[in-house]
Amino acid sequence: MQGKVEVFDLTAPLSTNTPVIRLPPDRGQPWPFKLEKISRYDEKGNEVYWNNIQMSEHTGTHFDAPVHWFSGKDSIDVSSVPCKHLIAPAVVVDMSEQVTDPNFLLERKHVEQWCEIHGTLPEGAWLLFRSGWDSHDLDADSFLNHGYTPGVSESCAKWLAEQTPIIGIGVETVGTDAGQAGKFEQPYPVHWYFHKAAKYGLTQLKNLAKLPATGVVIIVAPLPIVGGSGSPCRVLALIE
């Protein structure tokens, strides 16, 4: 890039109010974010303020590594992701005007229509799916919406993972799959097909409305957790 570069933060603030996916009671549950003071210029440390934190790997804006899903169980963990995949081009497929139903699904035809206007999907790029769902993230109940949130259809997920050159998908919702994707013929197809193909996921992104359809580079900064299935991360977009 040459000249002026604008930087946009695509990361949702991480706090005790950050929405976390809710699973059926018989499943294991991810921890919400918790901040516990060690000291704050007091008798525990009069010159220092610091905290312990508690959360799951998949809390807030976070990165999904291939090993996160059974289909990618023999693939890489978050500490092994190549750096070149963490600084990469990105395209924005904006369907926010079409998402009038919380069960909206991104289909292959939508992506192909985008390609007719903007060109082919770039090699090694992230596809960022803008649904407009980040407008709900100030209220956890509205954001989670009892498990009814937009996502990607099974056939589109399979096509994107197996037949396009993108390296990952980013969404504004709590997970990369639609809220009702557990009921699909192939449950949670984004997780299944993307991680099987050693590709990645990003969730709970913000500010996609500020980005153009093309000409974006994103920086994804997960913690390099050895053996980790993912990590909360900071995601920045650079636009010349």
Protein backbone atom coordinates (compact mmCIF):
# COMPACT_ATOMS: atom_id res chain seq x y z
CA MET A 1 0.00 0.00 0.00
CA GLN A 2 1.10 3.56 -0.67
CA GLY A 3 -0.12 6.83 0.78
CA LYS A 4 -2.67 7.16 3.56
CA VAL A 5 -4.06 4.03 5.20
CA GLU A 6 -7.22 4.07 7.31
CA VAL A 7 -7.51 1.57 10.14
CA PHE A 8 -10.86 0.24 11.34
CA ASP A 9 -11.35 -1.90 14.43
CA LEU A 10 -13.65 -4.84 13.66
CA THR A 11 -13.53 -6.12 17.25
CA ALA A 12 -16.40 -6.07 19.73
CA PRO A 13 -15.36 -4.75 23.18
CA LEU A 14 -14.74 -7.61 25.61
CA SER A 15 -16.54 -7.29 28.93
CA THR A 16 -18.88 -9.10 31.29
CA ASN A 17 -21.70 -7.98 28.96
CA THR A 18 -20.22 -9.72 25.91
CA PRO A 19 -22.76 -12.25 24.54
CA VAL A 20 -21.64 -15.88 24.68
CA ILE A 21 -23.27 -18.75 22.83
CA ARG A 22 -25.78 -20.72 24.91
CA LEU A 23 -25.80 -24.48 24.42
CA PRO A 24 -28.34 -27.11 25.54
CA PRO A 25 -28.03 -27.94 29.26
CA ASP A 26 -26.59 -31.40 28.54
CA ARG A 27 -23.64 -29.86 26.65
CA GLY A 28 -20.50 -28.30 28.06
CA GLN A 29 -20.80 -24.52 28.41
CA PRO A 30 -18.28 -21.83 27.42
CA TRP A 31 -17.33 -19.42 30.19
CA PRO A 32 -18.40 -15.81 29.79
CA PHE A 33 -15.77 -13.11 30.26
CA LYS A 34 -14.84 -12.37 33.87
CA LEU A 35 -12.37 -9.80 35.17
CA GLU A 36 -10.99 -10.34 38.68
CA LYS A 37 -8.81 -7.67 40.27
CA ILE A 38 -5.39 -8.65 41.55
CA SER A 39 -4.55 -5.15 42.80
CA ARG A 40 -5.35 -1.56 41.97
CA TYR A 41 -2.92 0.76 43.72
CA ASP A 42 -3.92 -0.75 47.07
CA GLU A 43 -2.58 -3.00 49.84
CA LYS A 44 -2.21 -5.89 47.34
CA GLY A 45 0.05 -3.71 45.19
CA ASN A 46 0.10 0.01 45.80
CA GLU A 47 1.96 0.78 42.56
CA VAL A 48 0.18 -1.56 40.14
CA TYR A 49 -3.23 -2.22 38.63
CA TRP A 50 -3.81 -5.65 37.03
CA ASN A 51 -6.40 -8.41 36.76
CA ASN A 52 -6.92 -12.08 36.23
CA ILE A 53 -9.30 -12.95 33.39
CA GLN A 54 -11.53 -15.95 32.79
CA MET A 55 -13.27 -16.89 29.55
CA SER A 56 -13.52 -19.61 26.93
CA GLU A 57 -11.40 -19.64 23.78
CA HIS A 58 -14.59 -18.77 21.88
CA THR A 59 -15.77 -15.70 23.79
CA GLY A 60 -16.44 -12.40 22.02
CA THR A 61 -14.76 -11.62 18.72
CA HIS A 62 -12.76 -14.80 18.26
CA PHE A 63 -10.82 -16.99 15.87
CA ASP A 64 -11.74 -20.61 15.07
CA ALA A 65 -8.80 -22.85 14.19
CA PRO A 66 -9.34 -26.01 12.08
CA VAL A 67 -8.88 -28.29 15.10
CA HIS A 68 -11.98 -26.69 16.65
CA TRP A 69 -14.24 -29.17 14.82
CA PHE A 70 -14.22 -32.96 14.53
CA SER A 71 -13.78 -32.71 10.76
CA GLY A 72 -10.51 -30.85 11.34
CA LYS A 73 -9.31 -32.80 14.37
CA ASP A 74 -6.07 -33.82 12.65
CA SER A 75 -5.35 -30.29 11.44
CA ILE A 76 -3.61 -27.35 13.15
CA ASP A 77 -4.30 -25.56 16.42
CA VAL A 78 -4.39 -21.81 16.85
CA SER A 79 -0.70 -21.57 17.76
CA SER A 80 0.28 -23.19 14.44
CA VAL A 81 -1.62 -20.90 12.06
CA PRO A 82 0.80 -19.40 9.50
CA CYS A 83 1.32 -15.67 10.02
CA LYS A 84 0.55 -15.04 6.35
CA HIS A 85 -3.02 -16.15 7.05
CA LEU A 86 -3.34 -13.61 9.86
CA ILE A 87 -2.50 -10.64 7.61
CA ALA A 88 -4.47 -11.16 4.42
CA PRO A 89 -6.79 -9.52 1.91
CA ALA A 90 -10.50 -9.51 2.64
CA VAL A 91 -13.69 -8.97 0.71
CA VAL A 92 -17.04 -7.88 2.13
CA VAL A 93 -20.23 -9.52 0.89
CA ASP A 94 -22.91 -7.15 2.15
CA MET A 95 -26.35 -8.75 2.46
CA SER A 96 -27.62 -6.48 5.23
CA GLU A 97 -30.51 -5.11 3.14
CA GLN A 98 -31.67 -8.63 2.33
CA VAL A 99 -31.52 -9.86 5.93
CA THR A 100 -35.10 -9.09 6.91
CA ASP A 101 -35.54 -12.57 8.40
CA PRO A 102 -33.26 -13.75 11.24
CA ASN A 103 -33.09 -17.14 9.52
CA PHE A 104 -31.60 -15.64 6.33
CA LEU A 105 -28.98 -17.85 4.69
CA LEU A 106 -26.17 -16.74 2.41
CA GLU A 107 -26.39 -18.80 -0.78
CA ARG A 108 -23.89 -19.51 -3.53
CA LYS A 109 -25.92 -17.33 -5.90
CA HIS A 110 -25.39 -14.32 -3.62
CA VAL A 111 -21.63 -14.76 -3.75
CA GLU A 112 -21.68 -15.34 -7.49
CA GLN A 113 -23.71 -12.15 -7.96
CA TRP A 114 -21.09 -10.33 -5.87
CA CYS A 115 -18.36 -11.77 -8.13
CA GLU A 116 -20.15 -10.54 -11.25
CA ILE A 117 -19.80 -6.99 -9.90
CA HIS A 118 -16.47 -7.10 -8.08
CA GLY A 119 -14.52 -9.92 -9.72
CA THR A 120 -13.42 -13.34 -8.55
CA LEU A 121 -12.70 -14.12 -4.92
CA PRO A 122 -8.99 -13.41 -4.31
CA GLU A 123 -6.55 -16.19 -3.53
CA GLY A 124 -5.84 -16.43 0.19
CA ALA A 125 -8.51 -13.90 1.19
CA TRP A 126 -11.05 -13.77 3.99
CA LEU A 127 -14.71 -13.50 3.05
CA LEU A 128 -16.51 -11.20 5.49
CA PHE A 129 -20.27 -11.75 5.47
CA ARG A 130 -22.12 -8.60 6.52
CA SER A 131 -25.63 -9.33 7.74
CA GLY A 132 -26.12 -6.20 9.85
CA TRP A 133 -26.46 -8.40 12.94
CA ASP A 134 -23.86 -6.39 14.88
CA SER A 135 -26.62 -3.81 15.47
CA HIS A 136 -28.05 -6.23 18.07
CA ASP A 137 -24.88 -6.74 20.10
CA LEU A 138 -25.62 -4.21 22.86
CA ASP A 139 -28.20 -6.63 24.27
CA ALA A 140 -27.24 -10.28 24.70
CA ASP A 141 -30.80 -11.62 24.43
CA SER A 142 -31.44 -9.72 21.20
CA PHE A 143 -28.04 -10.73 19.81
CA LEU A 144 -28.50 -14.44 20.56
CA ASN A 145 -32.21 -14.24 19.62
CA HIS A 146 -33.06 -17.66 21.09
CA GLY A 147 -30.83 -19.29 18.47
CA TYR A 148 -32.36 -17.62 15.42
CA THR A 149 -29.58 -15.75 13.63
CA PRO A 150 -28.45 -15.47 9.99
CA GLY A 151 -25.75 -17.64 8.51
CA VAL A 152 -24.58 -19.62 5.50
CA SER A 153 -26.49 -22.40 3.76
CA GLU A 154 -25.09 -25.92 3.72
CA SER A 155 -24.44 -25.94 -0.03
CA CYS A 156 -22.81 -22.50 0.03
CA ALA A 157 -20.56 -23.44 2.96
CA LYS A 158 -19.42 -26.59 1.14
CA TRP A 159 -18.75 -24.66 -2.08
CA LEU A 160 -16.84 -21.87 -0.34
CA ALA A 161 -14.72 -24.34 1.62
CA GLU A 162 -13.98 -26.79 -1.18
CA GLN A 163 -14.06 -24.83 -4.42
CA THR A 164 -12.99 -21.24 -3.72
CA PRO A 165 -9.53 -19.90 -2.83
CA ILE A 166 -10.56 -18.07 0.36
CA ILE A 167 -8.86 -19.07 3.61
CA GLY A 168 -11.64 -18.22 6.02
CA ILE A 169 -15.00 -16.63 6.70
CA GLY A 170 -15.91 -13.83 9.10
CA VAL A 171 -19.39 -13.07 10.44
CA GLU A 172 -21.12 -10.64 12.80
CA THR A 173 -23.05 -13.30 14.72
CA VAL A 174 -22.02 -15.32 17.79
CA GLY A 175 -20.77 -18.22 15.65
CA THR A 176 -19.83 -18.80 12.03
CA ASP A 177 -22.92 -20.95 11.45
CA ALA A 178 -26.56 -19.91 11.35
CA GLY A 179 -28.37 -20.13 14.66
CA GLN A 180 -30.45 -23.09 13.48
CA ALA A 181 -27.60 -24.84 11.65
CA GLY A 182 -27.64 -27.72 14.10
CA LYS A 183 -30.82 -28.89 12.34
CA PHE A 184 -29.30 -28.93 8.83
CA GLU A 185 -28.69 -32.25 7.05
CA GLN A 186 -24.99 -31.61 7.68
CA PRO A 187 -25.12 -29.91 11.07
CA TYR A 188 -23.04 -26.75 11.42
CA PRO A 189 -21.79 -26.87 7.82
CA VAL A 190 -19.48 -23.84 8.04
CA HIS A 191 -17.63 -25.45 10.92
CA TRP A 192 -17.68 -28.88 9.26
CA TYR A 193 -16.56 -27.96 5.76
CA PHE A 194 -14.25 -25.04 6.53
CA HIS A 195 -12.30 -26.82 9.24
CA LYS A 196 -12.17 -30.02 7.21
CA ALA A 197 -10.50 -27.91 4.49
CA ALA A 198 -8.06 -26.42 7.05
CA LYS A 199 -9.77 -23.04 6.78
CA TYR A 200 -10.69 -20.59 9.53
CA GLY A 201 -13.54 -18.67 11.10
CA LEU A 202 -13.99 -15.26 12.70
CA THR A 203 -17.05 -14.29 14.72
CA GLN A 204 -18.75 -11.29 16.31
CA LEU A 205 -17.19 -8.74 13.97
CA LYS A 206 -18.23 -5.08 14.02
CA ASN A 207 -17.96 -2.11 11.66
CA LEU A 208 -18.18 -4.11 8.44
CA ALA A 209 -20.51 -1.35 7.22
CA LYS A 210 -17.49 0.96 7.09
CA LEU A 211 -15.56 -1.27 4.69
CA PRO A 212 -15.67 -1.34 0.88
CA ALA A 213 -16.41 -4.56 -0.97
CA THR A 214 -12.76 -4.96 -2.01
CA GLY A 215 -9.38 -3.39 -1.32
CA VAL A 216 -9.26 -4.40 2.35
CA VAL A 217 -6.44 -6.06 4.27
CA ILE A 218 -7.23 -7.48 7.70
CA ILE A 219 -4.97 -8.23 10.62
CA VAL A 220 -6.22 -11.06 12.85
CA ALA A 221 -4.42 -11.36 16.18
CA PRO A 222 -5.42 -14.43 18.23
CA LEU A 223 -3.41 -15.58 21.23
CA PRO A 224 -1.06 -18.39 20.13
CA ILE A 225 -2.50 -20.92 22.59
CA VAL A 226 -0.62 -24.21 22.27
CA GLY A 227 -3.21 -26.90 21.65
CA GLY A 228 -5.92 -24.24 21.48
CA SER A 229 -9.01 -24.61 19.32
CA GLY A 230 -9.33 -20.86 18.98
CA SER A 231 -8.83 -17.58 20.77
CA PRO A 232 -10.43 -14.21 21.44
CA CYS A 233 -8.69 -11.82 19.07
CA ARG A 234 -8.32 -8.26 17.85
CA VAL A 235 -9.27 -7.81 14.21
CA LEU A 236 -8.19 -4.67 12.33
CA ALA A 237 -8.98 -3.64 8.76
CA LEU A 238 -6.60 -1.55 6.66
CA ILE A 239 -7.87 0.44 3.69
CA GLU A 240 -5.72 2.58 1.45
